[in-house]
Amino acid sequence: WKGRVVNPSITDEQTVHLRELNAKLRNDPRVASSVVR
């Protein structure tokens, strides 16, 4: 999200959701995940 997900001061709904998605996928034992920059 244009780097917004790593900036904790950005708290709009989309950014927060993507931040939560990234954490969810990282911790989901049903999948192996990787972020491609």
Full PDB file with SEQRES, HELIX, SHEET, SSBOND, CRYST1, ORIGX, SCALE, CONECT and MASTER records, all heavy atoms in Angstrom:
SEQRES   1 A   37  TRP LYS GLY ARG VAL VAL ASN PRO SER ILE THR ASP GLU          
SEQRES   2 A   37  GLN THR VAL HIS LEU ARG GLU LEU ASN ALA LYS LEU ARG          
SEQRES   3 A   37  ASN ASP PRO ARG VAL ALA SER SER VAL VAL ARG                  
HELIX    1 AA1 ARG A    4  VAL A    6  5                                   3    
HELIX    2 AA2 GLU A   13  ASN A   27  1                                  15    
CRYST1    1.000    1.000    1.000  90.00  90.00  90.00 P 1           1          
ORIGX1      1.000000  0.000000  0.000000        0.00000                         
ORIGX2      0.000000  1.000000  0.000000        0.00000                         
ORIGX3      0.000000  0.000000  1.000000        0.00000                         
SCALE1      1.000000  0.000000  0.000000        0.00000                         
SCALE2      0.000000  1.000000  0.000000        0.00000                         
SCALE3      0.000000  0.000000  1.000000        0.00000                         
ATOM      1  N   TRP A   1       0.819  -1.205   0.000  1.00  0.00           N  
ATOM      2  CA  TRP A   1       0.000   0.000   0.000  1.00  0.00           C  
ATOM      3  C   TRP A   1       0.858   1.263   0.000  1.00  0.00           C  
ATOM      4  O   TRP A   1       0.755   2.104   0.881  1.00  0.00           O  
ATOM      5  CB  TRP A   1      -0.952  -0.049   1.186  1.00  0.00           C  
ATOM      6  CG  TRP A   1      -2.204   0.745   1.075  1.00  0.00           C  
ATOM      7  CD1 TRP A   1      -2.676   1.633   2.018  1.00  0.00           C  
ATOM      8  CD2 TRP A   1      -3.164   0.764   0.021  1.00  0.00           C  
ATOM      9  NE1 TRP A   1      -3.857   2.189   1.606  1.00  0.00           N  
ATOM     10  CE2 TRP A   1      -4.192   1.661   0.358  1.00  0.00           C  
ATOM     11  CE3 TRP A   1      -3.254   0.097  -1.194  1.00  0.00           C  
ATOM     12  CZ2 TRP A   1      -5.282   1.920  -0.449  1.00  0.00           C  
ATOM     13  CZ3 TRP A   1      -4.342   0.339  -2.005  1.00  0.00           C  
ATOM     14  CH2 TRP A   1      -5.345   1.242  -1.621  1.00  0.00           C  
ATOM     15  N   LYS A   2       1.744   1.339  -0.996  1.00  0.00           N  
ATOM     16  CA  LYS A   2       2.658   2.484  -1.167  1.00  0.00           C  
ATOM     17  C   LYS A   2       3.496   2.748   0.090  1.00  0.00           C  
ATOM     18  O   LYS A   2       3.813   3.889   0.408  1.00  0.00           O  
ATOM     19  CB  LYS A   2       1.882   3.729  -1.584  1.00  0.00           C  
ATOM     20  CG  LYS A   2       1.195   3.597  -2.929  1.00  0.00           C  
ATOM     21  CD  LYS A   2       0.456   4.856  -3.306  1.00  0.00           C  
ATOM     22  CE  LYS A   2      -0.088   4.811  -4.707  1.00  0.00           C  
ATOM     23  NZ  LYS A   2      -1.018   3.780  -5.046  1.00  0.00           N  
ATOM     24  N   GLY A   3       3.820   1.702   0.817  1.00  0.00           N  
ATOM     25  CA  GLY A   3       4.629   1.819   2.019  1.00  0.00           C  
ATOM     26  C   GLY A   3       3.856   2.221   3.264  1.00  0.00           C  
ATOM     27  O   GLY A   3       4.416   2.276   4.355  1.00  0.00           O  
ATOM     28  N   ARG A   4       2.578   2.485   3.128  1.00  0.00           N  
ATOM     29  CA  ARG A   4       1.779   2.942   4.269  1.00  0.00           C  
ATOM     30  C   ARG A   4       1.703   1.892   5.387  1.00  0.00           C  
ATOM     31  O   ARG A   4       1.596   2.251   6.561  1.00  0.00           O  
ATOM     32  CB  ARG A   4       0.364   3.305   3.825  1.00  0.00           C  
ATOM     33  CG  ARG A   4       0.277   4.518   2.937  1.00  0.00           C  
ATOM     34  CD  ARG A   4      -1.182   4.826   2.604  1.00  0.00           C  
ATOM     35  NE  ARG A   4      -1.286   5.866   1.618  1.00  0.00           N  
ATOM     36  CZ  ARG A   4      -1.695   5.673   0.370  1.00  0.00           C  
ATOM     37  NH1 ARG A   4      -2.061   4.475  -0.043  1.00  0.00           N  
ATOM     38  NH2 ARG A   4      -1.760   6.680  -0.473  1.00  0.00           N  
ATOM     39  N   VAL A   5       1.724   0.615   5.025  1.00  0.00           N  
ATOM     40  CA  VAL A   5       1.524  -0.438   6.034  1.00  0.00           C  
ATOM     41  C   VAL A   5       2.633  -0.463   7.084  1.00  0.00           C  
ATOM     42  O   VAL A   5       2.421  -0.975   8.183  1.00  0.00           O  
ATOM     43  CB  VAL A   5       1.374  -1.842   5.390  1.00  0.00           C  
ATOM     44  CG1 VAL A   5       0.114  -1.912   4.557  1.00  0.00           C  
ATOM     45  CG2 VAL A   5       2.590  -2.220   4.588  1.00  0.00           C  
ATOM     46  N   VAL A   6       3.788   0.088   6.773  1.00  0.00           N  
ATOM     47  CA  VAL A   6       4.883   0.080   7.751  1.00  0.00           C  
ATOM     48  C   VAL A   6       4.937   1.356   8.591  1.00  0.00           C  
ATOM     49  O   VAL A   6       5.774   1.474   9.476  1.00  0.00           O  
ATOM     50  CB  VAL A   6       6.256  -0.166   7.074  1.00  0.00           C  
ATOM     51  CG1 VAL A   6       6.288  -1.539   6.431  1.00  0.00           C  
ATOM     52  CG2 VAL A   6       6.586   0.917   6.075  1.00  0.00           C  
ATOM     53  N   ASN A   7       4.045   2.288   8.318  1.00  0.00           N  
ATOM     54  CA  ASN A   7       4.007   3.537   9.066  1.00  0.00           C  
ATOM     55  C   ASN A   7       2.861   3.469  10.081  1.00  0.00           C  
ATOM     56  O   ASN A   7       1.701   3.636   9.720  1.00  0.00           O  
ATOM     57  CB  ASN A   7       3.810   4.714   8.103  1.00  0.00           C  
ATOM     58  CG  ASN A   7       3.865   6.054   8.801  1.00  0.00           C  
ATOM     59  OD1 ASN A   7       3.726   6.155  10.021  1.00  0.00           O  
ATOM     60  ND2 ASN A   7       4.054   7.111   8.020  1.00  0.00           N  
ATOM     61  N   PRO A   8       3.171   3.245  11.366  1.00  0.00           N  
ATOM     62  CA  PRO A   8       2.113   3.073  12.371  1.00  0.00           C  
ATOM     63  C   PRO A   8       1.251   4.312  12.578  1.00  0.00           C  
ATOM     64  O   PRO A   8       0.155   4.213  13.139  1.00  0.00           O  
ATOM     65  CB  PRO A   8       2.874   2.712  13.643  1.00  0.00           C  
ATOM     66  CG  PRO A   8       4.269   3.154  13.416  1.00  0.00           C  
ATOM     67  CD  PRO A   8       4.504   3.141  11.931  1.00  0.00           C  
ATOM     68  N   SER A   9       1.705   5.469  12.121  1.00  0.00           N  
ATOM     69  CA  SER A   9       0.890   6.670  12.303  1.00  0.00           C  
ATOM     70  C   SER A   9      -0.238   6.756  11.278  1.00  0.00           C  
ATOM     71  O   SER A   9      -1.147   7.562  11.424  1.00  0.00           O  
ATOM     72  CB  SER A   9       1.764   7.932  12.229  1.00  0.00           C  
ATOM     73  OG  SER A   9       2.250   8.116  10.910  1.00  0.00           O  
ATOM     74  N   ILE A  10      -0.195   5.919  10.252  1.00  0.00           N  
ATOM     75  CA  ILE A  10      -1.267   5.903   9.249  1.00  0.00           C  
ATOM     76  C   ILE A  10      -2.297   4.868   9.693  1.00  0.00           C  
ATOM     77  O   ILE A  10      -1.994   3.680   9.817  1.00  0.00           O  
ATOM     78  CB  ILE A  10      -0.720   5.591   7.848  1.00  0.00           C  
ATOM     79  CG1 ILE A  10       0.292   6.658   7.429  1.00  0.00           C  
ATOM     80  CG2 ILE A  10      -1.854   5.490   6.841  1.00  0.00           C  
ATOM     81  CD1 ILE A  10       0.973   6.388   6.107  1.00  0.00           C  
ATOM     82  N   THR A  11      -3.522   5.334   9.949  1.00  0.00           N  
ATOM     83  CA  THR A  11      -4.527   4.461  10.555  1.00  0.00           C  
ATOM     84  C   THR A  11      -5.856   4.433   9.797  1.00  0.00           C  
ATOM     85  O   THR A  11      -6.885   4.089  10.376  1.00  0.00           O  
ATOM     86  CB  THR A  11      -4.783   4.881  12.019  1.00  0.00           C  
ATOM     87  OG1 THR A  11      -5.229   6.239  12.029  1.00  0.00           O  
ATOM     88  CG2 THR A  11      -3.538   4.723  12.870  1.00  0.00           C  
ATOM     89  N   ASP A  12      -5.826   4.768   8.494  1.00  0.00           N  
ATOM     90  CA  ASP A  12      -7.075   4.676   7.737  1.00  0.00           C  
ATOM     91  C   ASP A  12      -7.475   3.204   7.600  1.00  0.00           C  
ATOM     92  O   ASP A  12      -6.665   2.294   7.780  1.00  0.00           O  
ATOM     93  CB  ASP A  12      -6.935   5.330   6.361  1.00  0.00           C  
ATOM     94  CG  ASP A  12      -5.921   4.625   5.496  1.00  0.00           C  
ATOM     95  OD1 ASP A  12      -6.310   3.689   4.772  1.00  0.00           O  
ATOM     96  OD2 ASP A  12      -4.729   4.986   5.566  1.00  0.00           O  
ATOM     97  N   GLU A  13      -8.735   2.969   7.290  1.00  0.00           N  
ATOM     98  CA  GLU A  13      -9.303   1.618   7.283  1.00  0.00           C  
ATOM     99  C   GLU A  13      -8.561   0.667   6.348  1.00  0.00           C  
ATOM    100  O   GLU A  13      -8.268  -0.471   6.724  1.00  0.00           O  
ATOM    101  CB  GLU A  13     -10.780   1.684   6.898  1.00  0.00           C  
ATOM    102  CG  GLU A  13     -11.481   0.342   6.937  1.00  0.00           C  
ATOM    103  CD  GLU A  13     -12.938   0.412   6.521  1.00  0.00           C  
ATOM    104  OE1 GLU A  13     -13.365   1.433   5.937  1.00  0.00           O  
ATOM    105  OE2 GLU A  13     -13.645  -0.565   6.768  1.00  0.00           O  
ATOM    106  N   GLN A  14      -8.233   1.120   5.143  1.00  0.00           N  
ATOM    107  CA  GLN A  14      -7.562   0.241   4.187  1.00  0.00           C  
ATOM    108  C   GLN A  14      -6.171  -0.141   4.663  1.00  0.00           C  
ATOM    109  O   GLN A  14      -5.777  -1.309   4.576  1.00  0.00           O  
ATOM    110  CB  GLN A  14      -7.493   0.898   2.814  1.00  0.00           C  
ATOM    111  CG  GLN A  14      -8.850   0.978   2.146  1.00  0.00           C  
ATOM    112  CD  GLN A  14      -8.746   1.612   0.786  1.00  0.00           C  
ATOM    113  OE1 GLN A  14      -8.179   2.692   0.631  1.00  0.00           O  
ATOM    114  NE2 GLN A  14      -9.303   0.949  -0.210  1.00  0.00           N  
ATOM    115  N   THR A  15      -5.417   0.820   5.154  1.00  0.00           N  
ATOM    116  CA  THR A  15      -4.060   0.549   5.619  1.00  0.00           C  
ATOM    117  C   THR A  15      -4.069  -0.413   6.803  1.00  0.00           C  
ATOM    118  O   THR A  15      -3.301  -1.376   6.835  1.00  0.00           O  
ATOM    119  CB  THR A  15      -3.343   1.858   6.003  1.00  0.00           C  
ATOM    120  OG1 THR A  15      -3.340   2.728   4.863  1.00  0.00           O  
ATOM    121  CG2 THR A  15      -1.918   1.600   6.444  1.00  0.00           C  
ATOM    122  N   VAL A  16      -4.937  -0.173   7.755  1.00  0.00           N  
ATOM    123  CA  VAL A  16      -5.043  -1.052   8.928  1.00  0.00           C  
ATOM    124  C   VAL A  16      -5.424  -2.461   8.496  1.00  0.00           C  
ATOM    125  O   VAL A  16      -4.853  -3.447   8.971  1.00  0.00           O  
ATOM    126  CB  VAL A  16      -6.039  -0.482   9.958  1.00  0.00           C  
ATOM    127  CG1 VAL A  16      -6.351  -1.497  11.044  1.00  0.00           C  
ATOM    128  CG2 VAL A  16      -5.488   0.800  10.561  1.00  0.00           C  
ATOM    129  N   HIS A  17      -6.367  -2.570   7.573  1.00  0.00           N  
ATOM    130  CA  HIS A  17      -6.798  -3.884   7.103  1.00  0.00           C  
ATOM    131  C   HIS A  17      -5.640  -4.633   6.439  1.00  0.00           C  
ATOM    132  O   HIS A  17      -5.438  -5.821   6.702  1.00  0.00           O  
ATOM    133  CB  HIS A  17      -7.973  -3.761   6.134  1.00  0.00           C  
ATOM    134  CG  HIS A  17      -8.567  -5.082   5.766  1.00  0.00           C  
ATOM    135  ND1 HIS A  17      -9.511  -5.705   6.538  1.00  0.00           N  
ATOM    136  CD2 HIS A  17      -8.310  -5.913   4.735  1.00  0.00           C  
ATOM    137  CE1 HIS A  17      -9.825  -6.866   5.991  1.00  0.00           C  
ATOM    138  NE2 HIS A  17      -9.107  -7.008   4.894  1.00  0.00           N  
ATOM    139  N   LEU A  18      -4.888  -3.948   5.594  1.00  0.00           N  
ATOM    140  CA  LEU A  18      -3.752  -4.597   4.933  1.00  0.00           C  
ATOM    141  C   LEU A  18      -2.670  -4.989   5.931  1.00  0.00           C  
ATOM    142  O   LEU A  18      -2.066  -6.052   5.824  1.00  0.00           O  
ATOM    143  CB  LEU A  18      -3.177  -3.695   3.844  1.00  0.00           C  
ATOM    144  CG  LEU A  18      -4.036  -3.582   2.600  1.00  0.00           C  
ATOM    145  CD1 LEU A  18      -3.540  -2.478   1.694  1.00  0.00           C  
ATOM    146  CD2 LEU A  18      -4.108  -4.907   1.857  1.00  0.00           C  
ATOM    147  N   ARG A  19      -2.453  -4.143   6.920  1.00  0.00           N  
ATOM    148  CA  ARG A  19      -1.484  -4.458   7.980  1.00  0.00           C  
ATOM    149  C   ARG A  19      -1.927  -5.728   8.714  1.00  0.00           C  
ATOM    150  O   ARG A  19      -1.127  -6.633   8.975  1.00  0.00           O  
ATOM    151  CB  ARG A  19      -1.413  -3.268   8.941  1.00  0.00           C  
ATOM    152  CG  ARG A  19      -0.203  -3.200   9.799  1.00  0.00           C  
ATOM    153  CD  ARG A  19      -0.199  -1.919  10.645  1.00  0.00           C  
ATOM    154  NE  ARG A  19       0.122  -0.743   9.840  1.00  0.00           N  
ATOM    155  CZ  ARG A  19      -0.528   0.423   9.907  1.00  0.00           C  
ATOM    156  NH1 ARG A  19      -1.532   0.588  10.760  1.00  0.00           N  
ATOM    157  NH2 ARG A  19      -0.165   1.432   9.149  1.00  0.00           N  
ATOM    158  N   GLU A  20      -3.217  -5.808   9.024  1.00  0.00           N  
ATOM    159  CA  GLU A  20      -3.762  -6.994   9.704  1.00  0.00           C  
ATOM    160  C   GLU A  20      -3.704  -8.227   8.798  1.00  0.00           C  
ATOM    161  O   GLU A  20      -3.427  -9.328   9.272  1.00  0.00           O  
ATOM    162  CB  GLU A  20      -5.193  -6.722  10.153  1.00  0.00           C  
ATOM    163  CG  GLU A  20      -5.284  -5.721  11.280  1.00  0.00           C  
ATOM    164  CD  GLU A  20      -6.712  -5.298  11.595  1.00  0.00           C  
ATOM    165  OE1 GLU A  20      -7.647  -5.666  10.839  1.00  0.00           O  
ATOM    166  OE2 GLU A  20      -6.901  -4.572  12.587  1.00  0.00           O  
ATOM    167  N   LEU A  21      -3.976  -8.042   7.506  1.00  0.00           N  
ATOM    168  CA  LEU A  21      -3.886  -9.159   6.568  1.00  0.00           C  
ATOM    169  C   LEU A  21      -2.469  -9.714   6.535  1.00  0.00           C  
ATOM    170  O   LEU A  21      -2.267 -10.930   6.602  1.00  0.00           O  
ATOM    171  CB  LEU A  21      -4.292  -8.721   5.159  1.00  0.00           C  
ATOM    172  CG  LEU A  21      -4.038  -9.787   4.082  1.00  0.00           C  
ATOM    173  CD1 LEU A  21      -5.073 -10.892   4.157  1.00  0.00           C  
ATOM    174  CD2 LEU A  21      -3.981  -9.161   2.699  1.00  0.00           C  
ATOM    175  N   ASN A  22      -1.481  -8.839   6.432  1.00  0.00           N  
ATOM    176  CA  ASN A  22      -0.088  -9.296   6.384  1.00  0.00           C  
ATOM    177  C   ASN A  22       0.267 -10.097   7.632  1.00  0.00           C  
ATOM    178  O   ASN A  22       0.903 -11.149   7.547  1.00  0.00           O  
ATOM    179  CB  ASN A  22       0.858  -8.102   6.211  1.00  0.00           C  
ATOM    180  CG  ASN A  22       0.770  -7.499   4.822  1.00  0.00           C  
ATOM    181  OD1 ASN A  22       0.472  -8.176   3.847  1.00  0.00           O  
ATOM    182  ND2 ASN A  22       1.025  -6.207   4.737  1.00  0.00           N  
ATOM    183  N   ALA A  23      -0.166  -9.625   8.790  1.00  0.00           N  
ATOM    184  CA  ALA A  23       0.097 -10.351  10.038  1.00  0.00           C  
ATOM    185  C   ALA A  23      -0.646 -11.682  10.053  1.00  0.00           C  
ATOM    186  O   ALA A  23      -0.096 -12.716  10.474  1.00  0.00           O  
ATOM    187  CB  ALA A  23      -0.305  -9.499  11.241  1.00  0.00           C  
ATOM    188  N   LYS A  24      -1.897 -11.674   9.591  1.00  0.00           N  
ATOM    189  CA  LYS A  24      -2.700 -12.895   9.558  1.00  0.00           C  
ATOM    190  C   LYS A  24      -2.038 -13.946   8.677  1.00  0.00           C  
ATOM    191  O   LYS A  24      -1.918 -15.112   9.067  1.00  0.00           O  
ATOM    192  CB  LYS A  24      -4.103 -12.574   9.046  1.00  0.00           C  
ATOM    193  CG  LYS A  24      -5.002 -13.787   8.874  1.00  0.00           C  
ATOM    194  CD  LYS A  24      -6.334 -13.389   8.253  1.00  0.00           C  
ATOM    195  CE  LYS A  24      -7.240 -14.572   8.146  1.00  0.00           C  
ATOM    196  NZ  LYS A  24      -8.334 -14.536   9.087  1.00  0.00           N  
ATOM    197  N   LEU A  25      -1.605 -13.548   7.488  1.00  0.00           N  
ATOM    198  CA  LEU A  25      -0.990 -14.503   6.569  1.00  0.00           C  
ATOM    199  C   LEU A  25       0.337 -15.013   7.116  1.00  0.00           C  
ATOM    200  O   LEU A  25       0.665 -16.192   6.971  1.00  0.00           O  
ATOM    201  CB  LEU A  25      -0.808 -13.873   5.188  1.00  0.00           C  
ATOM    202  CG  LEU A  25      -2.098 -13.539   4.448  1.00  0.00           C  
ATOM    203  CD1 LEU A  25      -1.795 -12.824   3.140  1.00  0.00           C  
ATOM    204  CD2 LEU A  25      -2.943 -14.775   4.214  1.00  0.00           C  
ATOM    205  N   ARG A  26       1.105 -14.142   7.744  1.00  0.00           N  
ATOM    206  CA  ARG A  26       2.381 -14.545   8.326  1.00  0.00           C  
ATOM    207  C   ARG A  26       2.170 -15.606   9.410  1.00  0.00           C  
ATOM    208  O   ARG A  26       2.964 -16.538   9.547  1.00  0.00           O  
ATOM    209  CB  ARG A  26       3.088 -13.322   8.921  1.00  0.00           C  
ATOM    210  CG  ARG A  26       4.430 -13.656   9.562  1.00  0.00           C  
ATOM    211  CD  ARG A  26       5.068 -12.452  10.238  1.00  0.00           C  
ATOM    212  NE  ARG A  26       4.235 -12.007  11.353  1.00  0.00           N  
ATOM    213  CZ  ARG A  26       3.765 -10.769  11.507  1.00  0.00           C  
ATOM    214  NH1 ARG A  26       4.026  -9.832  10.620  1.00  0.00           N  
ATOM    215  NH2 ARG A  26       3.021 -10.451  12.545  1.00  0.00           N  
ATOM    216  N   ASN A  27       1.072 -15.493  10.163  1.00  0.00           N  
ATOM    217  CA  ASN A  27       0.836 -16.391  11.295  1.00  0.00           C  
ATOM    218  C   ASN A  27      -0.146 -17.519  11.002  1.00  0.00           C  
ATOM    219  O   ASN A  27      -0.426 -18.318  11.892  1.00  0.00           O  
ATOM    220  CB  ASN A  27       0.323 -15.573  12.488  1.00  0.00           C  
ATOM    221  CG  ASN A  27       1.352 -14.564  12.961  1.00  0.00           C  
ATOM    222  OD1 ASN A  27       2.534 -14.869  13.058  1.00  0.00           O  
ATOM    223  ND2 ASN A  27       0.913 -13.353  13.215  1.00  0.00           N  
ATOM    224  N   ASP A  28      -0.650 -17.603   9.786  1.00  0.00           N  
ATOM    225  CA  ASP A  28      -1.655 -18.615   9.444  1.00  0.00           C  
ATOM    226  C   ASP A  28      -0.968 -19.949   9.186  1.00  0.00           C  
ATOM    227  O   ASP A  28      -0.234 -20.090   8.204  1.00  0.00           O  
ATOM    228  CB  ASP A  28      -2.445 -18.173   8.209  1.00  0.00           C  
ATOM    229  CG  ASP A  28      -3.648 -19.058   7.929  1.00  0.00           C  
ATOM    230  OD1 ASP A  28      -3.660 -20.229   8.373  1.00  0.00           O  
ATOM    231  OD2 ASP A  28      -4.573 -18.584   7.251  1.00  0.00           O  
ATOM    232  N   PRO A  29      -1.196 -20.960  10.035  1.00  0.00           N  
ATOM    233  CA  PRO A  29      -0.521 -22.253   9.847  1.00  0.00           C  
ATOM    234  C   PRO A  29      -1.017 -23.031   8.630  1.00  0.00           C  
ATOM    235  O   PRO A  29      -0.401 -24.017   8.237  1.00  0.00           O  
ATOM    236  CB  PRO A  29      -0.847 -23.007  11.143  1.00  0.00           C  
ATOM    237  CG  PRO A  29      -2.131 -22.394  11.620  1.00  0.00           C  
ATOM    238  CD  PRO A  29      -2.086 -20.947  11.189  1.00  0.00           C  
ATOM    239  N   ARG A  30      -2.079 -22.561   8.002  1.00  0.00           N  
ATOM    240  CA  ARG A  30      -2.625 -23.249   6.826  1.00  0.00           C  
ATOM    241  C   ARG A  30      -1.902 -22.882   5.543  1.00  0.00           C  
ATOM    242  O   ARG A  30      -2.081 -23.549   4.522  1.00  0.00           O  
ATOM    243  CB  ARG A  30      -4.117 -22.941   6.679  1.00  0.00           C  
ATOM    244  CG  ARG A  30      -4.942 -23.316   7.916  1.00  0.00           C  
ATOM    245  CD  ARG A  30      -6.340 -22.764   7.838  1.00  0.00           C  
ATOM    246  NE  ARG A  30      -6.309 -21.299   7.856  1.00  0.00           N  
ATOM    247  CZ  ARG A  30      -7.371 -20.521   7.691  1.00  0.00           C  
ATOM    248  NH1 ARG A  30      -8.560 -21.059   7.479  1.00  0.00           N  
ATOM    249  NH2 ARG A  30      -7.258 -19.209   7.725  1.00  0.00           N  
ATOM    250  N   VAL A  31      -1.084 -21.811   5.596  1.00  0.00           N  
ATOM    251  CA  VAL A  31      -0.384 -21.350   4.398  1.00  0.00           C  
ATOM    252  C   VAL A  31       1.071 -21.025   4.712  1.00  0.00           C  
ATOM    253  O   VAL A  31       1.426 -20.740   5.850  1.00  0.00           O  
ATOM    254  CB  VAL A  31      -1.052 -20.092   3.781  1.00  0.00           C  
ATOM    255  CG1 VAL A  31      -2.469 -20.384   3.330  1.00  0.00           C  
ATOM    256  CG2 VAL A  31      -1.005 -18.906   4.717  1.00  0.00           C  
ATOM    257  N   ALA A  32       1.883 -21.085   3.669  1.00  0.00           N  
ATOM    258  CA  ALA A  32       3.224 -20.496   3.709  1.00  0.00           C  
ATOM    259  C   ALA A  32       3.113 -19.242   2.871  1.00  0.00           C  
ATOM    260  O   ALA A  32       2.542 -19.273   1.779  1.00  0.00           O  
ATOM    261  CB  ALA A  32       4.247 -21.452   3.115  1.00  0.00           C  
ATOM    262  N   SER A  33       3.612 -18.121   3.375  1.00  0.00           N  
ATOM    263  CA  SER A  33       3.422 -16.881   2.632  1.00  0.00           C  
ATOM    264  C   SER A  33       4.718 -16.105   2.514  1.00  0.00           C  
ATOM    265  O   SER A  33       5.632 -16.237   3.332  1.00  0.00           O  
ATOM    266  CB  SER A  33       2.344 -16.018   3.289  1.00  0.00           C  
ATOM    267  OG  SER A  33       2.758 -15.593   4.565  1.00  0.00           O  
ATOM    268  N   SER A  34       4.748 -15.277   1.485  1.00  0.00           N  
ATOM    269  CA  SER A  34       5.898 -14.421   1.248  1.00  0.00           C  
ATOM    270  C   SER A  34       5.424 -13.150   0.565  1.00  0.00           C  
ATOM    271  O   SER A  34       4.601 -13.201  -0.349  1.00  0.00           O  
ATOM    272  CB  SER A  34       6.917 -15.140   0.365  1.00  0.00           C  
ATOM    273  OG  SER A  34       8.049 -14.325   0.151  1.00  0.00           O  
ATOM    274  N   VAL A  35       5.963 -12.018   1.011  1.00  0.00           N  
ATOM    275  CA  VAL A  35       5.656 -10.741   0.378  1.00  0.00           C  
ATOM    276  C   VAL A  35       6.734 -10.468  -0.667  1.00  0.00           C  
ATOM    277  O   VAL A  35       7.924 -10.587  -0.392  1.00  0.00           O  
ATOM    278  CB  VAL A  35       5.611  -9.589   1.415  1.00  0.00           C  
ATOM    279  CG1 VAL A  35       5.426  -8.243   0.730  1.00  0.00           C  
ATOM    280  CG2 VAL A  35       4.515  -9.835   2.428  1.00  0.00           C  
ATOM    281  N   VAL A  36       6.291 -10.135  -1.857  1.00  0.00           N  
ATOM    282  CA  VAL A  36       7.190  -9.788  -2.955  1.00  0.00           C  
ATOM    283  C   VAL A  36       7.159  -8.280  -3.115  1.00  0.00           C  
ATOM    284  O   VAL A  36       6.089  -7.699  -3.323  1.00  0.00           O  
ATOM    285  CB  VAL A  36       6.751 -10.484  -4.269  1.00  0.00           C  
ATOM    286  CG1 VAL A  36       7.678 -10.102  -5.407  1.00  0.00           C  
ATOM    287  CG2 VAL A  36       6.691 -11.986  -4.082  1.00  0.00           C  
ATOM    288  N   ARG A  37       8.313  -7.656  -2.986  1.00  0.00           N  
ATOM    289  CA  ARG A  37       8.392  -6.197  -3.087  1.00  0.00           C  
ATOM    290  C   ARG A  37       8.485  -5.781  -4.547  1.00  0.00           C  
ATOM    291  O   ARG A  37       9.477  -5.242  -5.007  1.00  0.00           O  
ATOM    292  CB  ARG A  37       9.599  -5.696  -2.306  1.00  0.00           C  
ATOM    293  CG  ARG A  37       9.448  -5.835  -0.823  1.00  0.00           C  
ATOM    294  CD  ARG A  37      10.664  -5.384  -0.061  1.00  0.00           C  
ATOM    295  NE  ARG A  37      11.438  -4.381  -0.762  1.00  0.00           N  
ATOM    296  CZ  ARG A  37      12.720  -4.146  -0.537  1.00  0.00           C  
ATOM    297  NH1 ARG A  37      13.370  -4.829   0.368  1.00  0.00           N  
ATOM    298  NH2 ARG A  37      13.361  -3.216  -1.223  1.00  0.00           N  
TER     299      ARG A  37                                                      
MASTER        0    0    0    2    0    0    0    6  298    1    0    3          
END                                                                             
